[in-house]
Every structure is written in structure tokens, then in C-alpha cells.
Amino acid sequence: MKWMSRILYTVIFLVCIALIAVGQRNIGPAGLLVMLVGLAGILFLLYLYNRRFR
């Protein structure tokens, strides 16, 4: 089960990085929104990581 969660977190991280890259190509509010969604996903993963090691 532990390896399954690691794979899931890795996939989510790669999707968030892709969202940031795609959002950077689109200039305007839509691109900014896509980049913010990607950033929120990365921050959420960081929150989950830090929650375990309190």
C-alpha cells in the first residue's frame, strides 16, 4: 500500500508540473488560473508530506 501512495503522489506531482508548464504558455487570466491550480497541487502535496513528520 505504501508504494501505491508514492506512485499516486508522483503522478499528482507530475500533473501539477505539467499544469504549470501549460499555463506558462498561455498568456492571460486562463493561463494564470491553470498555473495557480498547479501550484495549489504542489503546495497540497507539501502539506501532506509535512503533516506526517510533525
N, C-alpha and C. Protein backbone atom coordinates (compact mmCIF):
# COMPACT_ATOMS: atom_id res chain seq x y z
N MET A 1 0.82 -1.19 0.00
CA MET A 1 0.00 0.00 0.00
C MET A 1 0.86 1.26 0.00
N LYS A 2 2.04 1.15 0.64
CA LYS A 2 2.92 2.30 0.72
C LYS A 2 3.44 2.71 -0.66
N TRP A 3 3.78 1.73 -1.49
CA TRP A 3 4.28 2.04 -2.82
C TRP A 3 3.18 2.60 -3.71
N MET A 4 1.94 2.20 -3.44
CA MET A 4 0.82 2.72 -4.23
C MET A 4 0.61 4.21 -3.97
N SER A 5 0.74 4.62 -2.72
CA SER A 5 0.58 6.03 -2.40
C SER A 5 1.74 6.85 -2.98
N ARG A 6 2.94 6.30 -2.98
CA ARG A 6 4.08 7.00 -3.57
C ARG A 6 3.89 7.20 -5.06
N ILE A 7 3.38 6.18 -5.73
CA ILE A 7 3.11 6.31 -7.17
C ILE A 7 2.04 7.36 -7.42
N LEU A 8 1.00 7.36 -6.60
CA LEU A 8 -0.06 8.35 -6.74
C LEU A 8 0.46 9.76 -6.52
N TYR A 9 1.28 9.96 -5.48
CA TYR A 9 1.85 11.28 -5.21
C TYR A 9 2.76 11.72 -6.35
N THR A 10 3.51 10.80 -6.92
CA THR A 10 4.39 11.13 -8.04
C THR A 10 3.59 11.55 -9.26
N VAL A 11 2.52 10.84 -9.54
CA VAL A 11 1.67 11.18 -10.68
C VAL A 11 1.03 12.55 -10.47
N ILE A 12 0.53 12.81 -9.28
CA ILE A 12 -0.07 14.12 -8.99
C ILE A 12 0.96 15.22 -9.15
N PHE A 13 2.18 14.98 -8.67
CA PHE A 13 3.25 15.97 -8.79
C PHE A 13 3.55 16.26 -10.27
N LEU A 14 3.65 15.22 -11.08
CA LEU A 14 3.95 15.42 -12.50
C LEU A 14 2.82 16.15 -13.21
N VAL A 15 1.59 15.86 -12.83
CA VAL A 15 0.45 16.57 -13.42
C VAL A 15 0.49 18.05 -13.04
N CYS A 16 0.84 18.34 -11.81
CA CYS A 16 0.92 19.74 -11.37
C CYS A 16 2.03 20.48 -12.10
N ILE A 17 3.16 19.84 -12.29
CA ILE A 17 4.25 20.46 -13.04
C ILE A 17 3.82 20.70 -14.49
N ALA A 18 3.10 19.75 -15.07
CA ALA A 18 2.60 19.94 -16.43
C ALA A 18 1.61 21.09 -16.50
N LEU A 19 0.75 21.23 -15.49
CA LEU A 19 -0.19 22.35 -15.47
C LEU A 19 0.54 23.68 -15.42
N ILE A 20 1.60 23.75 -14.66
CA ILE A 20 2.37 24.99 -14.58
C ILE A 20 3.02 25.29 -15.93
N ALA A 21 3.56 24.29 -16.59
CA ALA A 21 4.20 24.49 -17.89
C ALA A 21 3.19 24.91 -18.94
N VAL A 22 2.02 24.30 -18.95
CA VAL A 22 0.98 24.65 -19.91
C VAL A 22 0.45 26.06 -19.62
N GLY A 23 0.28 26.38 -18.37
CA GLY A 23 -0.22 27.70 -18.00
C GLY A 23 0.75 28.80 -18.35
N GLN A 24 2.04 28.48 -18.34
CA GLN A 24 3.04 29.48 -18.69
C GLN A 24 2.98 29.85 -20.17
N ARG A 25 2.57 28.92 -20.99
CA ARG A 25 2.47 29.17 -22.43
C ARG A 25 1.28 30.06 -22.77
N ASN A 26 0.22 29.96 -22.01
CA ASN A 26 -0.99 30.75 -22.27
C ASN A 26 -0.92 32.05 -21.50
N ILE A 27 -0.92 33.14 -22.22
CA ILE A 27 -0.85 34.45 -21.59
C ILE A 27 -2.27 34.93 -21.34
N GLY A 28 -2.53 35.36 -20.12
CA GLY A 28 -3.85 35.88 -19.77
C GLY A 28 -4.37 35.22 -18.52
N PRO A 29 -5.62 35.54 -18.18
CA PRO A 29 -6.21 35.01 -16.96
C PRO A 29 -6.34 33.48 -16.96
N ALA A 30 -6.62 32.89 -18.10
CA ALA A 30 -6.78 31.44 -18.15
C ALA A 30 -5.45 30.74 -17.83
N GLY A 31 -4.36 31.24 -18.39
CA GLY A 31 -3.05 30.66 -18.11
C GLY A 31 -2.66 30.82 -16.65
N LEU A 32 -2.98 32.00 -16.10
CA LEU A 32 -2.68 32.23 -14.69
C LEU A 32 -3.47 31.28 -13.80
N LEU A 33 -4.73 31.05 -14.14
CA LEU A 33 -5.55 30.14 -13.34
C LEU A 33 -5.01 28.72 -13.39
N VAL A 34 -4.57 28.28 -14.56
CA VAL A 34 -4.00 26.93 -14.69
C VAL A 34 -2.72 26.82 -13.87
N MET A 35 -1.90 27.86 -13.90
CA MET A 35 -0.67 27.83 -13.11
C MET A 35 -0.97 27.82 -11.61
N LEU A 36 -1.98 28.56 -11.18
CA LEU A 36 -2.35 28.58 -9.77
C LEU A 36 -2.89 27.23 -9.30
N VAL A 37 -3.61 26.54 -10.17
CA VAL A 37 -4.10 25.20 -9.82
C VAL A 37 -2.92 24.25 -9.66
N GLY A 38 -1.94 24.34 -10.55
CA GLY A 38 -0.74 23.51 -10.42
C GLY A 38 0.03 23.82 -9.15
N LEU A 39 0.16 25.10 -8.83
CA LEU A 39 0.86 25.50 -7.61
C LEU A 39 0.11 25.02 -6.37
N ALA A 40 -1.21 25.12 -6.39
CA ALA A 40 -2.01 24.64 -5.25
C ALA A 40 -1.83 23.14 -5.06
N GLY A 41 -1.73 22.40 -6.16
CA GLY A 41 -1.50 20.96 -6.05
C GLY A 41 -0.16 20.63 -5.43
N ILE A 42 0.88 21.37 -5.81
CA ILE A 42 2.20 21.13 -5.24
C ILE A 42 2.21 21.51 -3.76
N LEU A 43 1.57 22.60 -3.42
CA LEU A 43 1.50 23.00 -2.01
C LEU A 43 0.72 21.99 -1.18
N PHE A 44 -0.32 21.41 -1.77
CA PHE A 44 -1.08 20.37 -1.07
C PHE A 44 -0.22 19.13 -0.81
N LEU A 45 0.57 18.74 -1.80
CA LEU A 45 1.48 17.60 -1.60
C LEU A 45 2.52 17.90 -0.53
N LEU A 46 3.01 19.13 -0.51
CA LEU A 46 3.96 19.52 0.53
C LEU A 46 3.31 19.49 1.91
N TYR A 47 2.06 19.91 1.99
CA TYR A 47 1.31 19.85 3.25
C TYR A 47 1.16 18.39 3.71
N LEU A 48 0.81 17.50 2.81
CA LEU A 48 0.67 16.09 3.18
C LEU A 48 1.99 15.50 3.66
N TYR A 49 3.08 15.88 3.02
CA TYR A 49 4.39 15.38 3.42
C TYR A 49 4.76 15.89 4.81
N ASN A 50 4.56 17.17 5.05
CA ASN A 50 4.95 17.75 6.33
C ASN A 50 4.04 17.32 7.47
N ARG A 51 2.80 16.98 7.17
CA ARG A 51 1.87 16.53 8.20
C ARG A 51 2.34 15.22 8.83
N ARG A 52 2.97 14.38 8.04
CA ARG A 52 3.44 13.10 8.57
C ARG A 52 4.61 13.25 9.52
N PHE A 53 5.40 14.29 9.37
CA PHE A 53 6.65 14.43 10.13
C PHE A 53 6.58 15.56 11.15
N ARG A 54 5.47 15.69 11.80
CA ARG A 54 5.35 16.71 12.86
C ARG A 54 6.09 16.28 14.09
